[in-house]
Amino acid sequence: MDSIEIKGIRSYGYTGYLQEERVLGQWFEVNVRLWFDLCVAGHSDAIADTVDYRGTIATVEHIVKTAKFALVERLAEAIAQAILEQSQVERVQIQLIKLAPPIPDFSGQIKIDITRP
């Protein structure tokens, strides 16, 4: 199956288990992979025959900016479900990265990776 991958969508959001995370917020990065048939668009050269990824980016940014979930797993699921509502998308992969989790003595990142049909 064909796919489009969108990497590096950065947005400031208010999801996190700690109350401070939902009040002060933090940066998230989202990578999205969309699976659907690109054959028609490949022949027609028409944006109407594909997924306009500008809309996908706007959807991801909006959800990250406005959602206040306790778990990043829930945020990733909300993003996946919103994208699957696009009629052409058959499958979606969401990689949601918490860039600076508030964990003492930890300077790494946390990444959630889900795929939904």
PDB file of N, CA and C in Angstrom:
ATOM      1  N   MET A   1       0.837  -1.181   0.000  1.00  0.00           N
ATOM      2  CA  MET A   1       0.000   0.000   0.000  1.00  0.00           C
ATOM      3  C   MET A   1       0.883   1.246   0.000  1.00  0.00           C
ATOM      4  N   ASP A   2       0.432   2.288  -0.656  1.00  0.00           N
ATOM      5  CA  ASP A   2       1.175   3.538  -0.746  1.00  0.00           C
ATOM      6  C   ASP A   2       1.058   4.315   0.563  1.00  0.00           C
ATOM      7  N   SER A   3       1.986   5.251   0.781  1.00  0.00           N
ATOM      8  CA  SER A   3       1.906   6.050   2.001  1.00  0.00           C
ATOM      9  C   SER A   3       2.565   7.412   1.811  1.00  0.00           C
ATOM     10  N   ILE A   4       2.161   8.322   2.672  1.00  0.00           N
ATOM     11  CA  ILE A   4       2.783   9.628   2.806  1.00  0.00           C
ATOM     12  C   ILE A   4       3.235   9.739   4.254  1.00  0.00           C
ATOM     13  N   GLU A   5       4.460  10.203   4.450  1.00  0.00           N
ATOM     14  CA  GLU A   5       4.983  10.379   5.803  1.00  0.00           C
ATOM     15  C   GLU A   5       5.243  11.867   6.041  1.00  0.00           C
ATOM     16  N   ILE A   6       4.751  12.356   7.163  1.00  0.00           N
ATOM     17  CA  ILE A   6       4.948  13.747   7.571  1.00  0.00           C
ATOM     18  C   ILE A   6       5.725  13.702   8.883  1.00  0.00           C
ATOM     19  N   LYS A   7       6.908  14.282   8.886  1.00  0.00           N
ATOM     20  CA  LYS A   7       7.772  14.203  10.064  1.00  0.00           C
ATOM     21  C   LYS A   7       8.024  15.589  10.654  1.00  0.00           C
ATOM     22  N   GLY A   8       8.142  15.619  11.976  1.00  0.00           N
ATOM     23  CA  GLY A   8       8.590  16.828  12.646  1.00  0.00           C
ATOM     24  C   GLY A   8       7.530  17.887  12.883  1.00  0.00           C
ATOM     25  N   ILE A   9       6.277  17.471  13.099  1.00  0.00           N
ATOM     26  CA  ILE A   9       5.241  18.448  13.449  1.00  0.00           C
ATOM     27  C   ILE A   9       5.426  18.785  14.927  1.00  0.00           C
ATOM     28  N   ARG A  10       5.898  19.979  15.219  1.00  0.00           N
ATOM     29  CA  ARG A  10       6.138  20.400  16.607  1.00  0.00           C
ATOM     30  C   ARG A  10       5.042  21.362  17.041  1.00  0.00           C
ATOM     31  N   SER A  11       4.530  21.087  18.239  1.00  0.00           N
ATOM     32  CA  SER A  11       3.464  21.930  18.766  1.00  0.00           C
ATOM     33  C   SER A  11       3.515  21.915  20.287  1.00  0.00           C
ATOM     34  N   TYR A  12       3.110  23.016  20.875  1.00  0.00           N
ATOM     35  CA  TYR A  12       3.089  23.152  22.330  1.00  0.00           C
ATOM     36  C   TYR A  12       1.724  22.708  22.820  1.00  0.00           C
ATOM     37  N   GLY A  13       1.711  21.779  23.789  1.00  0.00           N
ATOM     38  CA  GLY A  13       0.450  21.232  24.264  1.00  0.00           C
ATOM     39  C   GLY A  13       0.399  21.059  25.761  1.00  0.00           C
ATOM     40  N   TYR A  14      -0.761  20.595  26.228  1.00  0.00           N
ATOM     41  CA  TYR A  14      -1.059  20.543  27.659  1.00  0.00           C
ATOM     42  C   TYR A  14      -1.495  19.153  28.107  1.00  0.00           C
ATOM     43  N   THR A  15      -0.889  18.130  27.551  1.00  0.00           N
ATOM     44  CA  THR A  15      -1.168  16.752  27.954  1.00  0.00           C
ATOM     45  C   THR A  15      -0.047  16.264  28.845  1.00  0.00           C
ATOM     46  N   GLY A  16      -0.432  15.578  29.930  1.00  0.00           N
ATOM     47  CA  GLY A  16       0.558  14.999  30.823  1.00  0.00           C
ATOM     48  C   GLY A  16      -0.091  14.527  32.115  1.00  0.00           C
ATOM     49  N   TYR A  17       0.531  13.570  32.727  1.00  0.00           N
ATOM     50  CA  TYR A  17      -0.005  12.994  33.957  1.00  0.00           C
ATOM     51  C   TYR A  17       0.035  13.987  35.118  1.00  0.00           C
ATOM     52  N   LEU A  18       1.086  14.782  35.183  1.00  0.00           N
ATOM     53  CA  LEU A  18       1.219  15.755  36.264  1.00  0.00           C
ATOM     54  C   LEU A  18       0.352  16.984  35.985  1.00  0.00           C
ATOM     55  N   GLN A  19      -0.267  17.520  37.016  1.00  0.00           N
ATOM     56  CA  GLN A  19      -1.107  18.702  36.872  1.00  0.00           C
ATOM     57  C   GLN A  19      -0.335  19.854  36.225  1.00  0.00           C
ATOM     58  N   GLU A  20       0.929  19.994  36.589  1.00  0.00           N
ATOM     59  CA  GLU A  20       1.756  21.067  36.036  1.00  0.00           C
ATOM     60  C   GLU A  20       1.875  20.962  34.514  1.00  0.00           C
ATOM     61  N   GLU A  21       1.903  19.743  34.012  1.00  0.00           N
ATOM     62  CA  GLU A  21       2.003  19.544  32.563  1.00  0.00           C
ATOM     63  C   GLU A  21       0.748  20.048  31.852  1.00  0.00           C
ATOM     64  N   ARG A  22      -0.398  19.869  32.494  1.00  0.00           N
ATOM     65  CA  ARG A  22      -1.657  20.304  31.895  1.00  0.00           C
ATOM     66  C   ARG A  22      -1.895  21.803  32.075  1.00  0.00           C
ATOM     67  N   VAL A  23      -1.134  22.426  32.983  1.00  0.00           N
ATOM     68  CA  VAL A  23      -1.257  23.874  33.204  1.00  0.00           C
ATOM     69  C   VAL A  23      -0.156  24.632  32.467  1.00  0.00           C
ATOM     70  N   LEU A  24       1.090  24.215  32.643  1.00  0.00           N
ATOM     71  CA  LEU A  24       2.232  24.922  32.049  1.00  0.00           C
ATOM     72  C   LEU A  24       2.496  24.504  30.612  1.00  0.00           C
ATOM     73  N   GLY A  25       2.186  23.265  30.278  1.00  0.00           N
ATOM     74  CA  GLY A  25       2.400  22.757  28.933  1.00  0.00           C
ATOM     75  C   GLY A  25       3.830  22.340  28.661  1.00  0.00           C
ATOM     76  N   GLN A  26       4.042  21.833  27.451  1.00  0.00           N
ATOM     77  CA  GLN A  26       5.358  21.369  27.019  1.00  0.00           C
ATOM     78  C   GLN A  26       5.331  21.143  25.512  1.00  0.00           C
ATOM     79  N   TRP A  27       6.520  20.972  24.928  1.00  0.00           N
ATOM     80  CA  TRP A  27       6.630  20.736  23.495  1.00  0.00           C
ATOM     81  C   TRP A  27       6.465  19.251  23.183  1.00  0.00           C
ATOM     82  N   PHE A  28       5.737  18.999  22.096  1.00  0.00           N
ATOM     83  CA  PHE A  28       5.562  17.655  21.554  1.00  0.00           C
ATOM     84  C   PHE A  28       5.990  17.674  20.086  1.00  0.00           C
ATOM     85  N   GLU A  29       6.435  16.526  19.624  1.00  0.00           N
ATOM     86  CA  GLU A  29       6.703  16.348  18.197  1.00  0.00           C
ATOM     87  C   GLU A  29       5.896  15.152  17.730  1.00  0.00           C
ATOM     88  N   VAL A  30       5.301  15.278  16.551  1.00  0.00           N
ATOM     89  CA  VAL A  30       4.467  14.209  16.005  1.00  0.00           C
ATOM     90  C   VAL A  30       4.940  13.878  14.592  1.00  0.00           C
ATOM     91  N   ASN A  31       5.092  12.588  14.346  1.00  0.00           N
ATOM     92  CA  ASN A  31       5.349  12.066  13.006  1.00  0.00           C
ATOM     93  C   ASN A  31       4.124  11.261  12.595  1.00  0.00           C
ATOM     94  N   VAL A  32       3.690  11.430  11.364  1.00  0.00           N
ATOM     95  CA  VAL A  32       2.466  10.784  10.884  1.00  0.00           C
ATOM     96  C   VAL A  32       2.767  10.040   9.593  1.00  0.00           C
ATOM     97  N   ARG A  33       2.252   8.849   9.485  1.00  0.00           N
ATOM     98  CA  ARG A  33       2.324   8.106   8.224  1.00  0.00           C
ATOM     99  C   ARG A  33       0.905   7.723   7.839  1.00  0.00           C
ATOM    100  N   LEU A  34       0.519   8.076   6.622  1.00  0.00           N
ATOM    101  CA  LEU A  34      -0.820   7.811   6.104  1.00  0.00           C
ATOM    102  C   LEU A  34      -0.728   6.797   4.980  1.00  0.00           C
ATOM    103  N   TRP A  35      -1.524   5.735   5.086  1.00  0.00           N
ATOM    104  CA  TRP A  35      -1.557   4.732   4.028  1.00  0.00           C
ATOM    105  C   TRP A  35      -2.861   4.868   3.247  1.00  0.00           C
ATOM    106  N   PHE A  36      -2.734   4.985   1.942  1.00  0.00           N
ATOM    107  CA  PHE A  36      -3.887   5.022   1.051  1.00  0.00           C
ATOM    108  C   PHE A  36      -3.381   4.905  -0.382  1.00  0.00           C
ATOM    109  N   ASP A  37      -4.294   4.744  -1.310  1.00  0.00           N
ATOM    110  CA  ASP A  37      -3.947   4.543  -2.712  1.00  0.00           C
ATOM    111  C   ASP A  37      -3.551   5.873  -3.353  1.00  0.00           C
ATOM    112  N   LEU A  38      -2.300   5.977  -3.782  1.00  0.00           N
ATOM    113  CA  LEU A  38      -1.805   7.187  -4.439  1.00  0.00           C
ATOM    114  C   LEU A  38      -1.837   7.072  -5.965  1.00  0.00           C
ATOM    115  N   CYS A  39      -2.345   5.984  -6.476  1.00  0.00           N
ATOM    116  CA  CYS A  39      -2.319   5.733  -7.920  1.00  0.00           C
ATOM    117  C   CYS A  39      -3.083   6.793  -8.711  1.00  0.00           C
ATOM    118  N   VAL A  40      -4.288   7.122  -8.273  1.00  0.00           N
ATOM    119  CA  VAL A  40      -5.094   8.098  -9.013  1.00  0.00           C
ATOM    120  C   VAL A  40      -4.383   9.445  -9.050  1.00  0.00           C
ATOM    121  N   ALA A  41      -3.896   9.908  -7.918  1.00  0.00           N
ATOM    122  CA  ALA A  41      -3.185  11.191  -7.866  1.00  0.00           C
ATOM    123  C   ALA A  41      -1.902  11.147  -8.688  1.00  0.00           C
ATOM    124  N   GLY A  42      -1.262   9.983  -8.704  1.00  0.00           N
ATOM    125  CA  GLY A  42      -0.049   9.831  -9.491  1.00  0.00           C
ATOM    126  C   GLY A  42      -0.282  10.007 -10.979  1.00  0.00           C
ATOM    127  N   HIS A  43      -1.492   9.708 -11.428  1.00  0.00           N
ATOM    128  CA  HIS A  43      -1.834   9.867 -12.844  1.00  0.00           C
ATOM    129  C   HIS A  43      -2.491  11.210 -13.139  1.00  0.00           C
ATOM    130  N   SER A  44      -3.325  11.681 -12.204  1.00  0.00           N
ATOM    131  CA  SER A  44      -4.111  12.895 -12.473  1.00  0.00           C
ATOM    132  C   SER A  44      -3.359  14.187 -12.167  1.00  0.00           C
ATOM    133  N   ASP A  45      -2.411  14.129 -11.242  1.00  0.00           N
ATOM    134  CA  ASP A  45      -1.681  15.326 -10.800  1.00  0.00           C
ATOM    135  C   ASP A  45      -2.629  16.342 -10.157  1.00  0.00           C
ATOM    136  N   ALA A  46      -3.706  15.845  -9.535  1.00  0.00           N
ATOM    137  CA  ALA A  46      -4.716  16.709  -8.915  1.00  0.00           C
ATOM    138  C   ALA A  46      -4.731  16.521  -7.405  1.00  0.00           C
ATOM    139  N   ILE A  47      -4.673  17.613  -6.673  1.00  0.00           N
ATOM    140  CA  ILE A  47      -4.677  17.550  -5.205  1.00  0.00           C
ATOM    141  C   ILE A  47      -5.957  16.915  -4.671  1.00  0.00           C
ATOM    142  N   ALA A  48      -7.042  17.021  -5.416  1.00  0.00           N
ATOM    143  CA  ALA A  48      -8.316  16.435  -4.991  1.00  0.00           C
ATOM    144  C   ALA A  48      -8.250  14.909  -4.925  1.00  0.00           C
ATOM    145  N   ASP A  49      -7.264  14.319  -5.593  1.00  0.00           N
ATOM    146  CA  ASP A  49      -7.146  12.864  -5.638  1.00  0.00           C
ATOM    147  C   ASP A  49      -6.177  12.310  -4.602  1.00  0.00           C
ATOM    148  N   THR A  50      -5.744  13.153  -3.679  1.00  0.00           N
ATOM    149  CA  THR A  50      -4.831  12.699  -2.632  1.00  0.00           C
ATOM    150  C   THR A  50      -5.251  13.330  -1.316  1.00  0.00           C
ATOM    151  N   VAL A  51      -4.484  13.091  -0.279  1.00  0.00           N
ATOM    152  CA  VAL A  51      -4.703  13.756   1.000  1.00  0.00           C
ATOM    153  C   VAL A  51      -3.821  14.997   1.020  1.00  0.00           C
ATOM    154  N   ASP A  52      -4.440  16.138   1.217  1.00  0.00           N
ATOM    155  CA  ASP A  52      -3.692  17.385   1.317  1.00  0.00           C
ATOM    156  C   ASP A  52      -3.045  17.408   2.699  1.00  0.00           C
ATOM    157  N   TYR A  53      -1.756  17.180   2.763  1.00  0.00           N
ATOM    158  CA  TYR A  53      -1.102  17.030   4.064  1.00  0.00           C
ATOM    159  C   TYR A  53      -1.067  18.313   4.873  1.00  0.00           C
ATOM    160  N   ARG A  54      -1.358  19.449   4.255  1.00  0.00           N
ATOM    161  CA  ARG A  54      -1.474  20.695   5.029  1.00  0.00           C
ATOM    162  C   ARG A  54      -2.615  20.578   6.033  1.00  0.00           C
ATOM    163  N   GLY A  55      -3.699  19.941   5.629  1.00  0.00           N
ATOM    164  CA  GLY A  55      -4.831  19.724   6.531  1.00  0.00           C
ATOM    165  C   GLY A  55      -4.486  18.768   7.652  1.00  0.00           C
ATOM    166  N   THR A  56      -3.706  17.742   7.335  1.00  0.00           N
ATOM    167  CA  THR A  56      -3.271  16.791   8.357  1.00  0.00           C
ATOM    168  C   THR A  56      -2.398  17.495   9.391  1.00  0.00           C
ATOM    169  N   ILE A  57      -1.474  18.319   8.928  1.00  0.00           N
ATOM    170  CA  ILE A  57      -0.605  19.064   9.848  1.00  0.00           C
ATOM    171  C   ILE A  57      -1.446  19.975  10.734  1.00  0.00           C
ATOM    172  N   ALA A  58      -2.402  20.678  10.161  1.00  0.00           N
ATOM    173  CA  ALA A  58      -3.268  21.578  10.933  1.00  0.00           C
ATOM    174  C   ALA A  58      -4.081  20.804  11.964  1.00  0.00           C
ATOM    175  N   THR A  59      -4.570  19.617  11.601  1.00  0.00           N
ATOM    176  CA  THR A  59      -5.329  18.782  12.530  1.00  0.00           C
ATOM    177  C   THR A  59      -4.470  18.369  13.716  1.00  0.00           C
ATOM    178  N   VAL A  60      -3.260  17.896  13.437  1.00  0.00           N
ATOM    179  CA  VAL A  60      -2.345  17.484  14.509  1.00  0.00           C
ATOM    180  C   VAL A  60      -2.041  18.660  15.422  1.00  0.00           C
ATOM    181  N   GLU A  61      -1.689  19.802  14.850  1.00  0.00           N
ATOM    182  CA  GLU A  61      -1.359  20.977  15.657  1.00  0.00           C
ATOM    183  C   GLU A  61      -2.533  21.396  16.535  1.00  0.00           C
ATOM    184  N   HIS A  62      -3.732  21.396  15.974  1.00  0.00           N
ATOM    185  CA  HIS A  62      -4.911  21.794  16.735  1.00  0.00           C
ATOM    186  C   HIS A  62      -5.157  20.866  17.921  1.00  0.00           C
ATOM    187  N   ILE A  63      -5.074  19.561  17.693  1.00  0.00           N
ATOM    188  CA  ILE A  63      -5.334  18.609  18.776  1.00  0.00           C
ATOM    189  C   ILE A  63      -4.280  18.732  19.864  1.00  0.00           C
ATOM    190  N   VAL A  64      -3.007  18.814  19.490  1.00  0.00           N
ATOM    191  CA  VAL A  64      -1.947  18.944  20.494  1.00  0.00           C
ATOM    192  C   VAL A  64      -2.137  20.224  21.306  1.00  0.00           C
ATOM    193  N   LYS A  65      -2.474  21.327  20.648  1.00  0.00           N
ATOM    194  CA  LYS A  65      -2.610  22.622  21.320  1.00  0.00           C
ATOM    195  C   LYS A  65      -3.828  22.698  22.234  1.00  0.00           C
ATOM    196  N   THR A  66      -4.901  21.996  21.912  1.00  0.00           N
ATOM    197  CA  THR A  66      -6.153  22.173  22.649  1.00  0.00           C
ATOM    198  C   THR A  66      -6.500  21.039  23.610  1.00  0.00           C
ATOM    199  N   ALA A  67      -5.940  19.858  23.413  1.00  0.00           N
ATOM    200  CA  ALA A  67      -6.275  18.713  24.269  1.00  0.00           C
ATOM    201  C   ALA A  67      -5.586  18.833  25.625  1.00  0.00           C
ATOM    202  N   LYS A  68      -6.268  18.343  26.653  1.00  0.00           N
ATOM    203  CA  LYS A  68      -5.684  18.298  28.000  1.00  0.00           C
ATOM    204  C   LYS A  68      -5.940  16.908  28.575  1.00  0.00           C
ATOM    205  N   PHE A  69      -5.252  15.922  28.012  1.00  0.00           N
ATOM    206  CA  PHE A  69      -5.373  14.545  28.480  1.00  0.00           C
ATOM    207  C   PHE A  69      -4.312  14.268  29.533  1.00  0.00           C
ATOM    208  N   ALA A  70      -4.554  13.253  30.354  1.00  0.00           N
ATOM    209  CA  ALA A  70      -3.557  12.838  31.343  1.00  0.00           C
ATOM    210  C   ALA A  70      -2.450  12.007  30.687  1.00  0.00           C
ATOM    211  N   LEU A  71      -2.799  11.258  29.655  1.00  0.00           N
ATOM    212  CA  LEU A  71      -1.834  10.328  29.068  1.00  0.00           C
ATOM    213  C   LEU A  71      -1.520  10.674  27.615  1.00  0.00           C
ATOM    214  N   VAL A  72      -0.254  10.565  27.255  1.00  0.00           N
ATOM    215  CA  VAL A  72       0.136  10.785  25.862  1.00  0.00           C
ATOM    216  C   VAL A  72      -0.456   9.696  24.967  1.00  0.00           C
ATOM    217  N   GLU A  73      -0.718   8.536  25.521  1.00  0.00           N
ATOM    218  CA  GLU A  73      -1.374   7.477  24.751  1.00  0.00           C
ATOM    219  C   GLU A  73      -2.741   7.944  24.255  1.00  0.00           C
ATOM    220  N   ARG A  74      -3.467   8.661  25.102  1.00  0.00           N
ATOM    221  CA  ARG A  74      -4.783   9.182  24.723  1.00  0.00           C
ATOM    222  C   ARG A  74      -4.652  10.265  23.655  1.00  0.00           C
ATOM    223  N   LEU A  75      -3.636  11.103  23.776  1.00  0.00           N
ATOM    224  CA  LEU A  75      -3.396  12.144  22.782  1.00  0.00           C
ATOM    225  C   LEU A  75      -3.087  11.517  21.417  1.00  0.00           C
ATOM    226  N   ALA A  76      -2.236  10.507  21.404  1.00  0.00           N
ATOM    227  CA  ALA A  76      -1.909   9.816  20.150  1.00  0.00           C
ATOM    228  C   ALA A  76      -3.151   9.192  19.532  1.00  0.00           C
ATOM    229  N   GLU A  77      -3.993   8.591  20.357  1.00  0.00           N
ATOM    230  CA  GLU A  77      -5.233   7.973  19.865  1.00  0.00           C
ATOM    231  C   GLU A  77      -6.173   9.019  19.279  1.00  0.00           C
ATOM    232  N   ALA A  78      -6.299  10.163  19.925  1.00  0.00           N
ATOM    233  CA  ALA A  78      -7.167  11.231  19.423  1.00  0.00           C
ATOM    234  C   ALA A  78      -6.691  11.726  18.059  1.00  0.00           C
ATOM    235  N   ILE A  79      -5.386  11.858  17.909  1.00  0.00           N
ATOM    236  CA  ILE A  79      -4.823  12.287  16.621  1.00  0.00           C
ATOM    237  C   ILE A  79      -5.117  11.243  15.543  1.00  0.00           C
ATOM    238  N   ALA A  80      -4.880   9.976  15.867  1.00  0.00           N
ATOM    239  CA  ALA A  80      -5.114   8.901  14.899  1.00  0.00           C
ATOM    240  C   ALA A  80      -6.572   8.874  14.446  1.00  0.00           C
ATOM    241  N   GLN A  81      -7.497   8.970  15.390  1.00  0.00           N
ATOM    242  CA  GLN A  81      -8.918   8.906  15.038  1.00  0.00           C
ATOM    243  C   GLN A  81      -9.338  10.088  14.173  1.00  0.00           C
ATOM    244  N   ALA A  82      -8.826  11.277  14.474  1.00  0.00           N
ATOM    245  CA  ALA A  82      -9.154  12.464  13.669  1.00  0.00           C
ATOM    246  C   ALA A  82      -8.650  12.307  12.238  1.00  0.00           C
ATOM    247  N   ILE A  83      -7.470  11.757  12.070  1.00  0.00           N
ATOM    248  CA  ILE A  83      -6.908  11.576  10.729  1.00  0.00           C
ATOM    249  C   ILE A  83      -7.658  10.495   9.955  1.00  0.00           C
ATOM    250  N   LEU A  84      -8.068   9.434  10.656  1.00  0.00           N
ATOM    251  CA  LEU A  84      -8.800   8.361   9.975  1.00  0.00           C
ATOM    252  C   LEU A  84     -10.153   8.822   9.451  1.00  0.00           C
ATOM    253  N   GLU A  85     -10.648   9.934   9.957  1.00  0.00           N
ATOM    254  CA  GLU A  85     -11.911  10.476   9.453  1.00  0.00           C
ATOM    255  C   GLU A  85     -11.760  11.028   8.039  1.00  0.00           C
ATOM    256  N   GLN A  86     -10.524  11.249   7.593  1.00  0.00           N
ATOM    257  CA  GLN A  86     -10.296  11.640   6.202  1.00  0.00           C
ATOM    258  C   GLN A  86     -10.640  10.430   5.343  1.00  0.00           C
ATOM    259  N   SER A  87     -11.531  10.599   4.424  1.00  0.00           N
ATOM    260  CA  SER A  87     -12.108   9.466   3.701  1.00  0.00           C
ATOM    261  C   SER A  87     -11.091   8.579   2.994  1.00  0.00           C
ATOM    262  N   GLN A  88     -10.005   9.129   2.504  1.00  0.00           N
ATOM    263  CA  GLN A  88      -9.062   8.340   1.714  1.00  0.00           C
ATOM    264  C   GLN A  88      -8.087   7.527   2.567  1.00  0.00           C
ATOM    265  N   VAL A  89      -7.879   7.907   3.815  1.00  0.00           N
ATOM    266  CA  VAL A  89      -6.873   7.265   4.655  1.00  0.00           C
ATOM    267  C   VAL A  89      -7.393   5.914   5.136  1.00  0.00           C
ATOM    268  N   GLU A  90      -6.629   4.862   4.835  1.00  0.00           N
ATOM    269  CA  GLU A  90      -7.011   3.508   5.228  1.00  0.00           C
ATOM    270  C   GLU A  90      -6.327   3.060   6.516  1.00  0.00           C
ATOM    271  N   ARG A  91      -5.166   3.640   6.778  1.00  0.00           N
ATOM    272  CA  ARG A  91      -4.379   3.250   7.948  1.00  0.00           C
ATOM    273  C   ARG A  91      -3.497   4.435   8.317  1.00  0.00           C
ATOM    274  N   VAL A  92      -3.233   4.601   9.619  1.00  0.00           N
ATOM    275  CA  VAL A  92      -2.411   5.719  10.070  1.00  0.00           C
ATOM    276  C   VAL A  92      -1.461   5.250  11.172  1.00  0.00           C
ATOM    277  N   GLN A  93      -0.258   5.778  11.139  1.00  0.00           N
ATOM    278  CA  GLN A  93       0.714   5.547  12.207  1.00  0.00           C
ATOM    279  C   GLN A  93       1.027   6.903  12.821  1.00  0.00           C
ATOM    280  N   ILE A  94       0.970   6.957  14.139  1.00  0.00           N
ATOM    281  CA  ILE A  94       1.290   8.175  14.879  1.00  0.00           C
ATOM    282  C   ILE A  94       2.474   7.882  15.778  1.00  0.00           C
ATOM    283  N   GLN A  95       3.497   8.688  15.661  1.00  0.00           N
ATOM    284  CA  GLN A  95       4.618   8.667  16.600  1.00  0.00           C
ATOM    285  C   GLN A  95       4.557  10.005  17.334  1.00  0.00           C
ATOM    286  N   LEU A  96       4.268   9.932  18.624  1.00  0.00           N
ATOM    287  CA  LEU A  96       4.136  11.128  19.451  1.00  0.00           C
ATOM    288  C   LEU A  96       5.307  11.161  20.423  1.00  0.00           C
ATOM    289  N   ILE A  97       6.073  12.234  20.369  1.00  0.00           N
ATOM    290  CA  ILE A  97       7.288  12.329  21.175  1.00  0.00           C
ATOM    291  C   ILE A  97       7.140  13.443  22.195  1.00  0.00           C
ATOM    292  N   LYS A  98       7.317  13.090  23.453  1.00  0.00           N
ATOM    293  CA  LYS A  98       7.376  14.077  24.524  1.00  0.00           C
ATOM    294  C   LYS A  98       8.846  14.459  24.615  1.00  0.00           C
ATOM    295  N   LEU A  99       9.160  15.669  24.176  1.00  0.00           N
ATOM    296  CA  LEU A  99      10.548  16.075  23.976  1.00  0.00           C
ATOM    297  C   LEU A  99      11.342  16.260  25.276  1.00  0.00           C
ATOM    298  N   ALA A 100      10.690  16.702  26.328  1.00  0.00           N
ATOM    299  CA  ALA A 100      11.397  16.941  27.598  1.00  0.00           C
ATOM    300  C   ALA A 100      10.507  16.532  28.762  1.00  0.00           C
ATOM    301  N   PRO A 101      10.306  15.231  28.955  1.00  0.00           N
ATOM    302  CA  PRO A 101       9.426  14.785  30.035  1.00  0.00           C
ATOM    303  C   PRO A 101       9.965  15.218  31.404  1.00  0.00           C
ATOM    304  N   PRO A 102       9.078  15.659  32.295  1.00  0.00           N
ATOM    305  CA  PRO A 102       9.520  16.135  33.600  1.00  0.00           C
ATOM    306  C   PRO A 102       9.850  14.989  34.558  1.00  0.00           C
ATOM    307  N   ILE A 103      10.919  14.296  34.249  1.00  0.00           N
ATOM    308  CA  ILE A 103      11.371  13.166  35.059  1.00  0.00           C
ATOM    309  C   ILE A 103      12.751  13.527  35.594  1.00  0.00           C
ATOM    310  N   PRO A 104      12.922  13.556  36.917  1.00  0.00           N
ATOM    311  CA  PRO A 104      14.223  13.926  37.488  1.00  0.00           C
ATOM    312  C   PRO A 104      15.362  13.051  36.955  1.00  0.00           C
ATOM    313  N   ASP A 105      16.480  13.688  36.661  1.00  0.00           N
ATOM    314  CA  ASP A 105      17.707  13.026  36.201  1.00  0.00           C
ATOM    315  C   ASP A 105      17.527  12.234  34.908  1.00  0.00           C
ATOM    316  N   PHE A 106      16.577  12.646  34.074  1.00  0.00           N
ATOM    317  CA  PHE A 106      16.341  11.998  32.780  1.00  0.00           C
ATOM    318  C   PHE A 106      16.330  13.080  31.706  1.00  0.00           C
ATOM    319  N   SER A 107      17.244  12.971  30.763  1.00  0.00           N
ATOM    320  CA  SER A 107      17.324  13.992  29.715  1.00  0.00           C
ATOM    321  C   SER A 107      16.875  13.460  28.356  1.00  0.00           C
ATOM    322  N   GLY A 108      16.280  12.281  28.343  1.00  0.00           N
ATOM    323  CA  GLY A 108      15.835  11.681  27.085  1.00  0.00           C
ATOM    324  C   GLY A 108      14.438  12.103  26.689  1.00  0.00           C
ATOM    325  N   GLN A 109      13.870  11.359  25.765  1.00  0.00           N
ATOM    326  CA  GLN A 109      12.535  11.607  25.247  1.00  0.00           C
ATOM    327  C   GLN A 109      11.673  10.369  25.437  1.00  0.00           C
ATOM    328  N   ILE A 110      10.374  10.561  25.415  1.00  0.00           N
ATOM    329  CA  ILE A 110       9.412   9.455  25.472  1.00  0.00           C
ATOM    330  C   ILE A 110       8.664   9.453  24.139  1.00  0.00           C
ATOM    331  N   LYS A 111       8.580   8.289  23.494  1.00  0.00           N
ATOM    332  CA  LYS A 111       7.875   8.199  22.211  1.00  0.00           C
ATOM    333  C   LYS A 111       6.798   7.127  22.278  1.00  0.00           C
ATOM    334  N   ILE A 112       5.596   7.525  21.882  1.00  0.00           N
ATOM    335  CA  ILE A 112       4.468   6.604  21.740  1.00  0.00           C
ATOM    336  C   ILE A 112       4.324   6.338  20.250  1.00  0.00           C
ATOM    337  N   ASP A 113       4.134   5.097  19.875  1.00  0.00           N
ATOM    338  CA  ASP A 113       4.032   4.719  18.468  1.00  0.00           C
ATOM    339  C   ASP A 113       2.817   3.816  18.318  1.00  0.00           C
ATOM    340  N   ILE A 114       1.771   4.321  17.637  1.00  0.00           N
ATOM    341  CA  ILE A 114       0.568   3.521  17.433  1.00  0.00           C
ATOM    342  C   ILE A 114       0.237   3.458  15.947  1.00  0.00           C
ATOM    343  N   THR A 115      -0.392   2.379  15.536  1.00  0.00           N
ATOM    344  CA  THR A 115      -0.886   2.214  14.174  1.00  0.00           C
ATOM    345  C   THR A 115      -2.333   1.761  14.265  1.00  0.00           C
ATOM    346  N   ARG A 116      -3.180   2.446  13.521  1.00  0.00           N
ATOM    347  CA  ARG A 116      -4.601   2.107  13.535  1.00  0.00           C
ATOM    348  C   ARG A 116      -5.090   1.881  12.107  1.00  0.00           C
ATOM    349  N   PRO A 117      -5.944   0.841  11.933  1.00  0.00           N
ATOM    350  CA  PRO A 117      -6.493   0.583  10.592  1.00  0.00           C
ATOM    351  C   PRO A 117      -7.532   1.616  10.202  1.00  0.00           C
TER     352      PRO A 117
END
